[in-house]
N, C-alpha and C. Protein backbone atom coordinates (compact mmCIF):
# COMPACT_ATOMS: atom_id res chain seq x y z
N MET A 1 9.86 -12.94 -63.97
CA MET A 1 10.71 -12.55 -62.84
C MET A 1 12.16 -12.53 -63.31
N LEU A 2 12.83 -11.44 -63.04
CA LEU A 2 14.26 -11.33 -63.34
C LEU A 2 15.05 -11.88 -62.17
N HIS A 3 15.86 -12.88 -62.45
CA HIS A 3 16.65 -13.51 -61.39
C HIS A 3 18.09 -13.06 -61.52
N SER A 4 18.63 -12.52 -60.43
CA SER A 4 20.00 -12.02 -60.44
C SER A 4 20.83 -12.72 -59.39
N GLU A 5 21.94 -13.27 -59.81
CA GLU A 5 22.85 -13.92 -58.85
C GLU A 5 23.95 -12.98 -58.41
N ASN A 6 24.33 -12.03 -59.27
CA ASN A 6 25.50 -11.22 -58.99
C ASN A 6 25.21 -9.75 -58.83
N GLY A 7 23.95 -9.36 -58.89
CA GLY A 7 23.64 -7.96 -58.68
C GLY A 7 23.83 -7.15 -59.93
N ARG A 8 24.90 -6.38 -60.00
CA ARG A 8 25.08 -5.44 -61.07
C ARG A 8 25.38 -6.12 -62.40
N ARG A 9 24.94 -5.47 -63.48
CA ARG A 9 25.27 -5.85 -64.85
C ARG A 9 24.86 -7.29 -65.16
N THR A 10 23.76 -7.74 -64.63
CA THR A 10 23.28 -9.08 -64.92
C THR A 10 21.87 -9.01 -65.46
N GLY A 11 21.49 -10.05 -66.20
CA GLY A 11 20.11 -10.19 -66.63
C GLY A 11 19.72 -9.37 -67.84
N ALA A 12 20.69 -8.85 -68.64
CA ALA A 12 20.33 -8.03 -69.79
C ALA A 12 19.51 -8.82 -70.80
N GLY A 13 19.90 -10.08 -71.05
CA GLY A 13 19.13 -10.92 -71.97
C GLY A 13 17.72 -11.15 -71.48
N GLY A 14 17.60 -11.36 -70.15
CA GLY A 14 16.29 -11.56 -69.57
C GLY A 14 15.42 -10.33 -69.72
N ARG A 15 16.01 -9.15 -69.55
CA ARG A 15 15.24 -7.92 -69.70
C ARG A 15 14.71 -7.77 -71.11
N ARG A 16 15.58 -8.01 -72.11
CA ARG A 16 15.15 -7.88 -73.50
C ARG A 16 14.06 -8.87 -73.84
N SER A 17 14.22 -10.14 -73.40
CA SER A 17 13.27 -11.17 -73.77
C SER A 17 11.89 -10.88 -73.20
N ARG A 18 11.83 -10.31 -71.99
CA ARG A 18 10.53 -10.03 -71.41
C ARG A 18 9.80 -8.91 -72.14
N HIS A 19 10.53 -7.89 -72.54
CA HIS A 19 9.90 -6.82 -73.31
C HIS A 19 9.48 -7.31 -74.69
N GLU A 20 10.30 -8.16 -75.28
CA GLU A 20 9.96 -8.69 -76.60
C GLU A 20 8.78 -9.64 -76.53
N ARG A 21 8.70 -10.42 -75.47
CA ARG A 21 7.63 -11.42 -75.36
C ARG A 21 6.29 -10.80 -75.01
N TYR A 22 6.29 -9.88 -74.05
CA TYR A 22 5.03 -9.35 -73.54
C TYR A 22 4.69 -7.96 -74.07
N GLY A 23 5.65 -7.29 -74.67
CA GLY A 23 5.38 -5.98 -75.22
C GLY A 23 5.50 -4.86 -74.19
N GLN A 24 5.17 -5.13 -72.95
CA GLN A 24 5.32 -4.14 -71.90
C GLN A 24 5.38 -4.84 -70.55
N VAL A 25 5.87 -4.10 -69.56
CA VAL A 25 5.93 -4.59 -68.19
C VAL A 25 5.07 -3.68 -67.33
N ASP A 26 4.11 -4.25 -66.63
CA ASP A 26 3.20 -3.47 -65.80
C ASP A 26 3.57 -3.50 -64.31
N ILE A 27 4.10 -4.63 -63.85
CA ILE A 27 4.49 -4.76 -62.44
C ILE A 27 5.91 -5.32 -62.39
N LEU A 28 6.79 -4.59 -61.74
CA LEU A 28 8.18 -5.01 -61.57
C LEU A 28 8.44 -5.19 -60.08
N PHE A 29 8.79 -6.40 -59.68
CA PHE A 29 9.04 -6.71 -58.27
C PHE A 29 10.52 -7.01 -58.10
N LEU A 30 11.24 -6.11 -57.46
CA LEU A 30 12.68 -6.23 -57.26
C LEU A 30 12.92 -6.80 -55.87
N ASN A 31 13.19 -8.09 -55.83
CA ASN A 31 13.25 -8.82 -54.57
C ASN A 31 14.62 -9.44 -54.35
N ALA A 32 15.67 -8.75 -54.80
CA ALA A 32 17.02 -9.28 -54.63
C ALA A 32 17.38 -9.31 -53.16
N GLY A 33 17.96 -10.40 -52.70
CA GLY A 33 18.34 -10.46 -51.30
C GLY A 33 19.15 -11.68 -50.94
N VAL A 34 20.26 -11.46 -50.25
CA VAL A 34 21.03 -12.54 -49.64
C VAL A 34 21.35 -12.12 -48.22
N ALA A 35 21.44 -13.09 -47.35
CA ALA A 35 21.78 -12.80 -45.96
C ALA A 35 23.29 -12.74 -45.80
N GLY A 36 23.71 -12.14 -44.72
CA GLY A 36 25.14 -12.07 -44.44
C GLY A 36 25.41 -11.05 -43.36
N GLY A 37 26.49 -11.25 -42.63
CA GLY A 37 26.79 -10.37 -41.51
C GLY A 37 27.62 -9.17 -41.90
N GLY A 38 28.87 -9.41 -42.23
CA GLY A 38 29.80 -8.31 -42.41
C GLY A 38 30.21 -7.77 -41.05
N ASN A 39 31.44 -7.35 -40.95
CA ASN A 39 31.94 -6.85 -39.67
C ASN A 39 32.66 -5.53 -39.92
N PRO A 40 32.20 -4.42 -39.32
CA PRO A 40 32.87 -3.14 -39.54
C PRO A 40 34.18 -3.00 -38.78
N LEU A 41 34.51 -3.99 -37.95
CA LEU A 41 35.68 -3.87 -37.08
C LEU A 41 36.85 -4.71 -37.52
N ASP A 42 36.78 -5.30 -38.73
CA ASP A 42 37.95 -6.02 -39.24
C ASP A 42 38.27 -5.50 -40.64
N ASP A 43 39.28 -6.10 -41.29
CA ASP A 43 39.69 -5.58 -42.60
C ASP A 43 39.12 -6.39 -43.75
N GLU A 44 38.13 -7.23 -43.50
CA GLU A 44 37.49 -8.03 -44.57
C GLU A 44 36.40 -7.21 -45.23
N ILE A 45 36.39 -7.18 -46.57
CA ILE A 45 35.43 -6.35 -47.29
C ILE A 45 34.65 -7.13 -48.34
N THR A 46 35.08 -8.37 -48.64
CA THR A 46 34.47 -9.15 -49.72
C THR A 46 32.99 -9.38 -49.49
N ASP A 47 32.61 -9.78 -48.27
CA ASP A 47 31.20 -10.03 -47.99
C ASP A 47 30.36 -8.78 -48.16
N TRP A 48 30.90 -7.63 -47.78
CA TRP A 48 30.16 -6.38 -47.94
C TRP A 48 29.85 -6.12 -49.42
N HIS A 49 30.86 -6.29 -50.27
CA HIS A 49 30.65 -6.07 -51.70
C HIS A 49 29.62 -7.04 -52.27
N ARG A 50 29.71 -8.31 -51.88
CA ARG A 50 28.78 -9.31 -52.39
C ARG A 50 27.35 -8.97 -51.97
N ILE A 51 27.16 -8.62 -50.70
CA ILE A 51 25.81 -8.33 -50.20
C ILE A 51 25.25 -7.07 -50.85
N TYR A 52 26.05 -6.03 -50.97
CA TYR A 52 25.56 -4.80 -51.60
C TYR A 52 25.34 -4.98 -53.10
N ASP A 53 26.19 -5.75 -53.76
CA ASP A 53 26.01 -6.00 -55.19
C ASP A 53 24.65 -6.62 -55.47
N ILE A 54 24.20 -7.51 -54.60
CA ILE A 54 22.91 -8.17 -54.81
C ILE A 54 21.77 -7.38 -54.19
N ASN A 55 21.85 -7.10 -52.90
CA ASN A 55 20.73 -6.50 -52.18
C ASN A 55 20.41 -5.08 -52.63
N PHE A 56 21.44 -4.29 -52.89
CA PHE A 56 21.22 -2.89 -53.27
C PHE A 56 21.37 -2.68 -54.77
N PHE A 57 22.53 -3.04 -55.32
CA PHE A 57 22.75 -2.76 -56.74
C PHE A 57 21.89 -3.64 -57.64
N GLY A 58 21.44 -4.79 -57.13
CA GLY A 58 20.47 -5.58 -57.90
C GLY A 58 19.18 -4.80 -58.11
N VAL A 59 18.76 -4.05 -57.09
CA VAL A 59 17.55 -3.22 -57.21
C VAL A 59 17.82 -2.01 -58.12
N VAL A 60 18.97 -1.38 -57.95
CA VAL A 60 19.33 -0.26 -58.82
C VAL A 60 19.34 -0.70 -60.28
N ASP A 61 19.96 -1.83 -60.55
CA ASP A 61 20.05 -2.37 -61.91
C ASP A 61 18.65 -2.62 -62.47
N GLY A 62 17.77 -3.19 -61.66
CA GLY A 62 16.42 -3.46 -62.13
C GLY A 62 15.66 -2.19 -62.46
N ILE A 63 15.80 -1.17 -61.61
CA ILE A 63 15.13 0.11 -61.87
C ILE A 63 15.64 0.74 -63.16
N LYS A 64 16.95 0.78 -63.32
CA LYS A 64 17.52 1.40 -64.51
C LYS A 64 17.14 0.63 -65.78
N ALA A 65 17.03 -0.68 -65.67
CA ALA A 65 16.72 -1.50 -66.84
C ALA A 65 15.27 -1.38 -67.26
N PHE A 66 14.37 -1.26 -66.29
CA PHE A 66 12.94 -1.34 -66.61
C PHE A 66 12.19 -0.01 -66.50
N ALA A 67 12.55 0.84 -65.53
CA ALA A 67 11.74 2.04 -65.27
C ALA A 67 11.61 2.95 -66.48
N PRO A 68 12.70 3.27 -67.21
CA PRO A 68 12.53 4.15 -68.37
C PRO A 68 11.56 3.59 -69.41
N ARG A 69 11.59 2.29 -69.65
CA ARG A 69 10.67 1.68 -70.62
C ARG A 69 9.25 1.70 -70.09
N MET A 70 9.10 1.47 -68.79
CA MET A 70 7.76 1.48 -68.21
C MET A 70 7.16 2.89 -68.28
N ILE A 71 7.97 3.91 -68.04
CA ILE A 71 7.49 5.29 -68.15
C ILE A 71 7.09 5.59 -69.59
N ALA A 72 7.93 5.15 -70.54
CA ALA A 72 7.67 5.42 -71.95
C ALA A 72 6.41 4.73 -72.46
N GLN A 73 5.99 3.66 -71.79
CA GLN A 73 4.77 2.96 -72.21
C GLN A 73 3.54 3.87 -72.13
N GLY A 74 3.57 4.80 -71.17
CA GLY A 74 2.44 5.70 -71.00
C GLY A 74 1.22 5.05 -70.38
N THR A 75 1.43 3.92 -69.71
CA THR A 75 0.33 3.20 -69.05
C THR A 75 0.66 3.05 -67.57
N PRO A 76 -0.37 2.88 -66.72
CA PRO A 76 -0.10 2.70 -65.29
C PRO A 76 0.77 1.48 -65.03
N GLY A 77 1.63 1.57 -64.02
CA GLY A 77 2.49 0.45 -63.67
C GLY A 77 3.01 0.63 -62.25
N HIS A 78 3.69 -0.41 -61.78
CA HIS A 78 4.13 -0.42 -60.39
C HIS A 78 5.53 -1.04 -60.29
N ILE A 79 6.37 -0.40 -59.49
CA ILE A 79 7.70 -0.92 -59.19
C ILE A 79 7.79 -1.15 -57.69
N LEU A 80 8.02 -2.39 -57.30
CA LEU A 80 8.12 -2.74 -55.88
C LEU A 80 9.55 -3.14 -55.54
N GLY A 81 10.05 -2.64 -54.42
CA GLY A 81 11.36 -3.04 -53.94
C GLY A 81 11.24 -3.59 -52.53
N THR A 82 11.92 -4.68 -52.26
CA THR A 82 11.84 -5.32 -50.95
C THR A 82 12.95 -4.83 -50.03
N SER A 83 12.56 -4.27 -48.88
CA SER A 83 13.51 -3.93 -47.84
C SER A 83 13.35 -4.95 -46.72
N SER A 84 13.37 -4.51 -45.48
CA SER A 84 13.31 -5.42 -44.34
C SER A 84 13.06 -4.58 -43.09
N GLY A 85 12.48 -5.21 -42.07
CA GLY A 85 12.35 -4.51 -40.80
C GLY A 85 13.70 -4.04 -40.29
N SER A 86 14.74 -4.83 -40.51
CA SER A 86 16.07 -4.44 -40.05
C SER A 86 16.61 -3.28 -40.87
N GLY A 87 16.07 -3.08 -42.07
CA GLY A 87 16.47 -1.94 -42.87
C GLY A 87 15.79 -0.65 -42.47
N VAL A 88 14.70 -0.77 -41.74
CA VAL A 88 13.95 0.41 -41.30
C VAL A 88 14.53 0.98 -40.02
N VAL A 89 14.89 0.11 -39.08
CA VAL A 89 15.32 0.58 -37.77
C VAL A 89 16.78 0.27 -37.46
N GLY A 90 17.43 -0.57 -38.25
CA GLY A 90 18.82 -0.92 -37.96
C GLY A 90 18.99 -1.73 -36.70
N ALA A 91 17.92 -2.42 -36.27
CA ALA A 91 17.98 -3.16 -35.01
C ALA A 91 18.84 -4.42 -35.10
N MET A 92 19.00 -4.96 -36.31
CA MET A 92 19.77 -6.19 -36.48
C MET A 92 21.26 -5.84 -36.58
N TYR A 93 21.83 -5.39 -35.48
CA TYR A 93 23.22 -4.95 -35.50
C TYR A 93 24.20 -6.09 -35.69
N GLN A 94 23.73 -7.34 -35.51
CA GLN A 94 24.62 -8.49 -35.73
C GLN A 94 24.90 -8.70 -37.21
N THR A 95 24.07 -8.14 -38.09
CA THR A 95 24.24 -8.30 -39.54
C THR A 95 24.30 -6.93 -40.20
N PRO A 96 25.36 -6.16 -39.92
CA PRO A 96 25.39 -4.78 -40.40
C PRO A 96 25.40 -4.64 -41.92
N ALA A 97 26.02 -5.56 -42.65
CA ALA A 97 26.03 -5.45 -44.11
C ALA A 97 24.63 -5.64 -44.67
N TYR A 98 23.95 -6.68 -44.20
CA TYR A 98 22.57 -6.93 -44.66
C TYR A 98 21.65 -5.79 -44.25
N SER A 99 21.69 -5.40 -42.99
CA SER A 99 20.78 -4.37 -42.48
C SER A 99 20.99 -3.04 -43.20
N SER A 100 22.25 -2.64 -43.37
CA SER A 100 22.50 -1.35 -44.02
C SER A 100 22.14 -1.39 -45.50
N SER A 101 22.32 -2.55 -46.15
CA SER A 101 21.93 -2.64 -47.57
C SER A 101 20.43 -2.53 -47.73
N LYS A 102 19.67 -3.09 -46.78
CA LYS A 102 18.22 -3.00 -46.85
C LYS A 102 17.73 -1.59 -46.49
N SER A 103 18.47 -0.90 -45.62
CA SER A 103 18.16 0.49 -45.34
C SER A 103 18.39 1.34 -46.59
N ALA A 104 19.43 1.03 -47.34
CA ALA A 104 19.71 1.74 -48.59
C ALA A 104 18.58 1.53 -49.60
N VAL A 105 18.03 0.33 -49.65
CA VAL A 105 16.90 0.06 -50.55
C VAL A 105 15.70 0.92 -50.16
N CYS A 106 15.46 1.07 -48.88
CA CYS A 106 14.35 1.89 -48.39
C CYS A 106 14.49 3.32 -48.90
N THR A 107 15.67 3.91 -48.74
CA THR A 107 15.89 5.27 -49.19
C THR A 107 15.81 5.37 -50.71
N LEU A 108 16.36 4.39 -51.40
CA LEU A 108 16.30 4.38 -52.87
C LEU A 108 14.87 4.39 -53.36
N MET A 109 14.01 3.57 -52.79
CA MET A 109 12.62 3.51 -53.24
C MET A 109 11.87 4.79 -52.90
N GLU A 110 12.21 5.43 -51.77
CA GLU A 110 11.62 6.72 -51.45
C GLU A 110 12.03 7.78 -52.48
N CYS A 111 13.29 7.74 -52.89
CA CYS A 111 13.76 8.67 -53.93
C CYS A 111 13.04 8.41 -55.25
N LEU A 112 12.87 7.13 -55.60
CA LEU A 112 12.17 6.78 -56.83
C LEU A 112 10.73 7.28 -56.78
N HIS A 113 10.08 7.09 -55.63
CA HIS A 113 8.72 7.57 -55.45
C HIS A 113 8.63 9.07 -55.74
N GLY A 114 9.56 9.85 -55.16
CA GLY A 114 9.53 11.29 -55.35
C GLY A 114 9.80 11.70 -56.79
N GLN A 115 10.73 11.03 -57.45
CA GLN A 115 11.05 11.40 -58.83
C GLN A 115 9.91 11.05 -59.78
N LEU A 116 9.27 9.92 -59.56
CA LEU A 116 8.12 9.56 -60.39
C LEU A 116 6.96 10.54 -60.16
N ARG A 117 6.77 10.94 -58.91
CA ARG A 117 5.72 11.92 -58.59
C ARG A 117 5.98 13.24 -59.28
N ASP A 118 7.24 13.71 -59.23
CA ASP A 118 7.57 14.99 -59.84
C ASP A 118 7.41 14.97 -61.36
N ARG A 119 7.60 13.81 -61.96
CA ARG A 119 7.39 13.66 -63.40
C ARG A 119 5.92 13.52 -63.76
N GLU A 120 5.06 13.41 -62.75
CA GLU A 120 3.64 13.11 -62.95
C GLU A 120 3.48 11.82 -63.76
N SER A 121 4.33 10.86 -63.43
CA SER A 121 4.33 9.57 -64.13
C SER A 121 3.16 8.72 -63.67
N LEU A 122 2.74 7.83 -64.56
CA LEU A 122 1.70 6.85 -64.22
C LEU A 122 2.28 5.65 -63.48
N ILE A 123 3.61 5.61 -63.33
CA ILE A 123 4.27 4.52 -62.63
C ILE A 123 4.36 4.87 -61.15
N ARG A 124 4.04 3.91 -60.30
CA ARG A 124 4.08 4.10 -58.86
C ARG A 124 5.17 3.23 -58.25
N ALA A 125 5.83 3.75 -57.21
CA ALA A 125 6.85 3.00 -56.48
C ALA A 125 6.27 2.53 -55.15
N HIS A 126 6.68 1.35 -54.72
CA HIS A 126 6.20 0.77 -53.47
C HIS A 126 7.38 0.13 -52.74
N LEU A 127 7.38 0.24 -51.42
CA LEU A 127 8.40 -0.41 -50.60
C LEU A 127 7.75 -1.54 -49.82
N VAL A 128 8.25 -2.75 -50.01
CA VAL A 128 7.72 -3.93 -49.32
C VAL A 128 8.54 -4.17 -48.06
N LEU A 129 7.86 -4.21 -46.92
CA LEU A 129 8.51 -4.45 -45.63
C LEU A 129 7.98 -5.75 -45.04
N PRO A 130 8.51 -6.87 -45.47
CA PRO A 130 8.03 -8.15 -44.93
C PRO A 130 8.63 -8.41 -43.55
N PRO A 131 7.92 -9.16 -42.73
CA PRO A 131 8.54 -9.65 -41.49
C PRO A 131 9.45 -10.83 -41.84
N LEU A 132 9.97 -11.49 -40.85
CA LEU A 132 10.70 -12.73 -41.06
C LEU A 132 9.79 -13.67 -41.84
N THR A 133 10.28 -14.18 -42.96
CA THR A 133 9.43 -14.96 -43.86
C THR A 133 10.07 -16.30 -44.17
N ARG A 134 9.24 -17.31 -44.30
CA ARG A 134 9.74 -18.67 -44.54
C ARG A 134 10.18 -18.81 -46.00
N THR A 135 11.40 -18.34 -46.28
CA THR A 135 11.99 -18.44 -47.62
C THR A 135 13.35 -19.13 -47.51
N ASN A 136 14.02 -19.23 -48.65
CA ASN A 136 15.35 -19.86 -48.64
C ASN A 136 16.47 -18.82 -48.52
N LEU A 137 16.17 -17.65 -47.94
CA LEU A 137 17.18 -16.61 -47.77
C LEU A 137 18.39 -17.14 -47.01
N ALA A 138 18.14 -18.02 -46.03
CA ALA A 138 19.24 -18.58 -45.24
C ALA A 138 19.64 -19.97 -45.74
N GLY A 139 19.20 -20.33 -46.93
CA GLY A 139 19.58 -21.61 -47.52
C GLY A 139 18.49 -22.65 -47.48
N ASP A 140 17.65 -22.63 -46.45
CA ASP A 140 16.56 -23.60 -46.28
C ASP A 140 15.41 -22.88 -45.58
N PRO A 141 14.20 -22.94 -46.16
CA PRO A 141 13.07 -22.25 -45.52
C PRO A 141 12.87 -22.62 -44.07
N GLU A 142 13.16 -23.87 -43.71
CA GLU A 142 12.96 -24.28 -42.33
C GLU A 142 13.94 -23.62 -41.37
N THR A 143 15.06 -23.11 -41.92
CA THR A 143 16.03 -22.42 -41.07
C THR A 143 15.42 -21.19 -40.42
N MET A 144 14.44 -20.59 -41.10
CA MET A 144 13.83 -19.38 -40.56
C MET A 144 13.12 -19.62 -39.23
N SER A 145 12.66 -20.83 -39.00
CA SER A 145 12.05 -21.15 -37.70
C SER A 145 13.08 -21.04 -36.59
N PHE A 146 14.31 -21.48 -36.88
CA PHE A 146 15.37 -21.37 -35.88
C PHE A 146 15.77 -19.91 -35.67
N VAL A 147 15.76 -19.13 -36.76
CA VAL A 147 16.05 -17.70 -36.65
C VAL A 147 15.02 -17.02 -35.76
N GLN A 148 13.74 -17.38 -35.97
CA GLN A 148 12.67 -16.81 -35.15
C GLN A 148 12.89 -17.13 -33.67
N LYS A 149 13.20 -18.38 -33.37
CA LYS A 149 13.42 -18.78 -31.98
C LYS A 149 14.62 -18.05 -31.38
N GLY A 150 15.66 -17.86 -32.19
CA GLY A 150 16.84 -17.15 -31.70
C GLY A 150 16.54 -15.70 -31.37
N LEU A 151 15.74 -15.05 -32.23
CA LEU A 151 15.36 -13.66 -31.97
C LEU A 151 14.52 -13.55 -30.71
N GLU A 152 13.57 -14.47 -30.58
CA GLU A 152 12.69 -14.43 -29.40
C GLU A 152 13.48 -14.72 -28.13
N ALA A 153 14.46 -15.63 -28.21
CA ALA A 153 15.29 -15.92 -27.04
C ALA A 153 16.09 -14.71 -26.60
N GLY A 154 16.41 -13.83 -27.58
CA GLY A 154 17.14 -12.61 -27.27
C GLY A 154 16.25 -11.46 -26.85
N GLY A 155 14.94 -11.72 -26.75
CA GLY A 155 14.02 -10.70 -26.29
C GLY A 155 13.35 -9.90 -27.39
N ALA A 156 13.60 -10.26 -28.66
CA ALA A 156 13.00 -9.53 -29.77
C ALA A 156 11.67 -10.17 -30.17
N LYS A 157 10.69 -9.33 -30.48
CA LYS A 157 9.43 -9.85 -30.99
C LYS A 157 9.64 -10.30 -32.43
N ALA A 158 9.27 -11.52 -32.74
CA ALA A 158 9.49 -12.04 -34.09
C ALA A 158 8.31 -12.89 -34.51
N VAL A 159 7.79 -12.59 -35.69
CA VAL A 159 6.75 -13.42 -36.28
C VAL A 159 7.33 -14.06 -37.53
N LEU A 160 6.80 -15.20 -37.90
CA LEU A 160 7.26 -15.91 -39.09
C LEU A 160 6.10 -15.99 -40.06
N ALA A 161 6.20 -15.26 -41.15
CA ALA A 161 5.13 -15.20 -42.14
C ALA A 161 5.40 -16.19 -43.27
N GLU A 162 4.32 -16.57 -43.95
CA GLU A 162 4.44 -17.40 -45.14
C GLU A 162 4.57 -16.49 -46.37
N PRO A 163 5.25 -16.93 -47.43
CA PRO A 163 5.40 -16.09 -48.63
C PRO A 163 4.07 -15.62 -49.20
N GLU A 164 3.05 -16.46 -49.12
CA GLU A 164 1.74 -16.07 -49.68
C GLU A 164 1.17 -14.85 -48.96
N GLY A 165 1.42 -14.76 -47.66
CA GLY A 165 0.94 -13.62 -46.90
C GLY A 165 1.63 -12.33 -47.31
N VAL A 166 2.93 -12.41 -47.56
CA VAL A 166 3.67 -11.23 -48.00
C VAL A 166 3.22 -10.82 -49.40
N ALA A 167 2.96 -11.81 -50.26
CA ALA A 167 2.47 -11.51 -51.61
C ALA A 167 1.14 -10.78 -51.55
N THR A 168 0.27 -11.20 -50.65
CA THR A 168 -1.02 -10.53 -50.48
C THR A 168 -0.82 -9.08 -50.06
N THR A 169 0.13 -8.84 -49.17
CA THR A 169 0.42 -7.48 -48.72
C THR A 169 0.88 -6.61 -49.89
N ALA A 170 1.74 -7.17 -50.74
CA ALA A 170 2.22 -6.43 -51.91
C ALA A 170 1.07 -6.09 -52.86
N LEU A 171 0.19 -7.03 -53.10
CA LEU A 171 -0.95 -6.78 -53.98
C LEU A 171 -1.89 -5.73 -53.40
N GLU A 172 -2.08 -5.76 -52.08
CA GLU A 172 -2.94 -4.76 -51.44
C GLU A 172 -2.35 -3.36 -51.58
N ALA A 173 -1.02 -3.24 -51.51
CA ALA A 173 -0.38 -1.94 -51.68
C ALA A 173 -0.59 -1.42 -53.10
N ILE A 174 -0.51 -2.31 -54.08
CA ILE A 174 -0.75 -1.91 -55.46
C ILE A 174 -2.19 -1.44 -55.64
N ARG A 175 -3.13 -2.21 -55.13
CA ARG A 175 -4.55 -1.89 -55.31
C ARG A 175 -4.94 -0.60 -54.59
N SER A 176 -4.32 -0.32 -53.45
CA SER A 176 -4.65 0.88 -52.68
C SER A 176 -3.75 2.06 -53.01
N ASP A 177 -2.79 1.86 -53.93
CA ASP A 177 -1.84 2.91 -54.32
C ASP A 177 -1.06 3.42 -53.11
N SER A 178 -0.67 2.50 -52.23
CA SER A 178 0.11 2.84 -51.04
C SER A 178 1.59 2.61 -51.31
N PHE A 179 2.42 3.59 -50.95
CA PHE A 179 3.86 3.38 -51.08
C PHE A 179 4.32 2.25 -50.17
N TRP A 180 3.81 2.23 -48.95
CA TRP A 180 4.26 1.26 -47.95
C TRP A 180 3.47 -0.04 -48.06
N ALA A 181 4.15 -1.11 -48.43
CA ALA A 181 3.55 -2.45 -48.38
C ALA A 181 3.97 -3.04 -47.05
N HIS A 182 3.21 -2.70 -46.03
CA HIS A 182 3.57 -2.97 -44.64
C HIS A 182 2.80 -4.19 -44.15
N HIS A 183 3.49 -5.28 -43.90
CA HIS A 183 2.83 -6.52 -43.51
C HIS A 183 2.15 -6.36 -42.15
N ALA A 184 0.91 -6.81 -42.05
CA ALA A 184 0.12 -6.61 -40.83
C ALA A 184 0.75 -7.29 -39.63
N ARG A 185 1.57 -8.30 -39.85
CA ARG A 185 2.15 -9.03 -38.73
C ARG A 185 3.53 -8.54 -38.35
N LEU A 186 3.99 -7.46 -39.01
CA LEU A 186 5.25 -6.86 -38.60
C LEU A 186 5.01 -6.15 -37.28
N THR A 187 5.72 -6.57 -36.23
CA THR A 187 5.41 -6.07 -34.90
C THR A 187 6.61 -5.37 -34.27
N GLY A 188 6.33 -4.77 -33.13
CA GLY A 188 7.41 -4.21 -32.31
C GLY A 188 7.98 -2.93 -32.87
N ARG A 189 9.28 -2.74 -32.62
CA ARG A 189 9.93 -1.47 -32.96
C ARG A 189 9.90 -1.20 -34.46
N ALA A 190 10.04 -2.25 -35.29
CA ALA A 190 10.02 -2.04 -36.74
C ALA A 190 8.70 -1.46 -37.18
N ALA A 191 7.60 -1.96 -36.63
CA ALA A 191 6.27 -1.47 -37.02
C ALA A 191 6.09 -0.01 -36.61
N SER A 192 6.48 0.34 -35.39
CA SER A 192 6.31 1.71 -34.94
C SER A 192 7.20 2.66 -35.71
N GLN A 193 8.42 2.23 -36.05
CA GLN A 193 9.33 3.09 -36.81
C GLN A 193 8.79 3.29 -38.22
N ALA A 194 8.27 2.25 -38.84
CA ALA A 194 7.69 2.39 -40.17
C ALA A 194 6.51 3.35 -40.14
N GLY A 195 5.72 3.27 -39.07
CA GLY A 195 4.60 4.19 -38.93
C GLY A 195 5.05 5.63 -38.83
N ARG A 196 6.13 5.87 -38.09
CA ARG A 196 6.65 7.23 -37.97
C ARG A 196 7.14 7.73 -39.31
N ARG A 197 7.80 6.88 -40.09
CA ARG A 197 8.29 7.30 -41.40
C ARG A 197 7.13 7.64 -42.31
N ARG A 198 6.03 6.89 -42.22
CA ARG A 198 4.86 7.19 -43.05
C ARG A 198 4.27 8.56 -42.72
N ARG A 199 4.40 8.98 -41.46
CA ARG A 199 3.78 10.24 -41.05
C ARG A 199 4.70 11.43 -41.24
N THR A 200 5.95 11.22 -41.59
CA THR A 200 6.91 12.31 -41.75
C THR A 200 6.65 13.02 -43.07
N GLY A 201 6.61 14.35 -43.03
CA GLY A 201 6.22 15.10 -44.21
C GLY A 201 7.09 14.87 -45.41
N SER A 202 8.41 14.66 -45.23
CA SER A 202 9.30 14.50 -46.36
C SER A 202 9.24 13.10 -46.95
N ARG A 203 8.52 12.20 -46.30
CA ARG A 203 8.42 10.82 -46.77
C ARG A 203 7.14 10.63 -47.57
N PRO A 204 7.09 9.59 -48.40
CA PRO A 204 5.84 9.28 -49.09
C PRO A 204 4.70 9.11 -48.09
N ARG A 205 3.59 9.75 -48.32
CA ARG A 205 2.49 9.72 -47.37
C ARG A 205 1.61 8.49 -47.51
N ALA A 206 1.51 7.96 -48.71
CA ALA A 206 0.59 6.85 -48.91
C ALA A 206 1.15 5.57 -48.34
């Protein structure tokens, strides 16, 4: 696993060591993510840069670092990028920097899917859409329980998944060659919007 703290231009040594150690990379999971709000109505921009550097450019950096080598291997492989329900529908308007960065990841992975398809590459792209998950995204996994309660108090449908469940969803997408790694417990508007995107002709169909 490539761990990135700063997003862009990080992890070059890690990339080299993994190729040298294993000879090839078959599955690349780009799961960069930090939470944060950002406010479009003030003059502060630092948080926006930090969130995009990690959430979006961390994924771009990973693709650029690994995808060309994976294609050159000439063997089947998979590149997964993690977005979010808030990146699909933009419903989390309280966190515009986070939500818009995850929306950018969604579009990026769709573009990657199309470019790999046009190359007739053996590498497949997948977009992971986890629901609210018990991770340390907010600093402490237990904090996510409070986030769930807050969303539900505001009238939003919210489920809290365990990391193992999301991992199973990602593996199922790989095995079924589905672009969308759509967690079964993702509910409400995010689920219906993801379904509409899957059915749109210009979007990946699988």
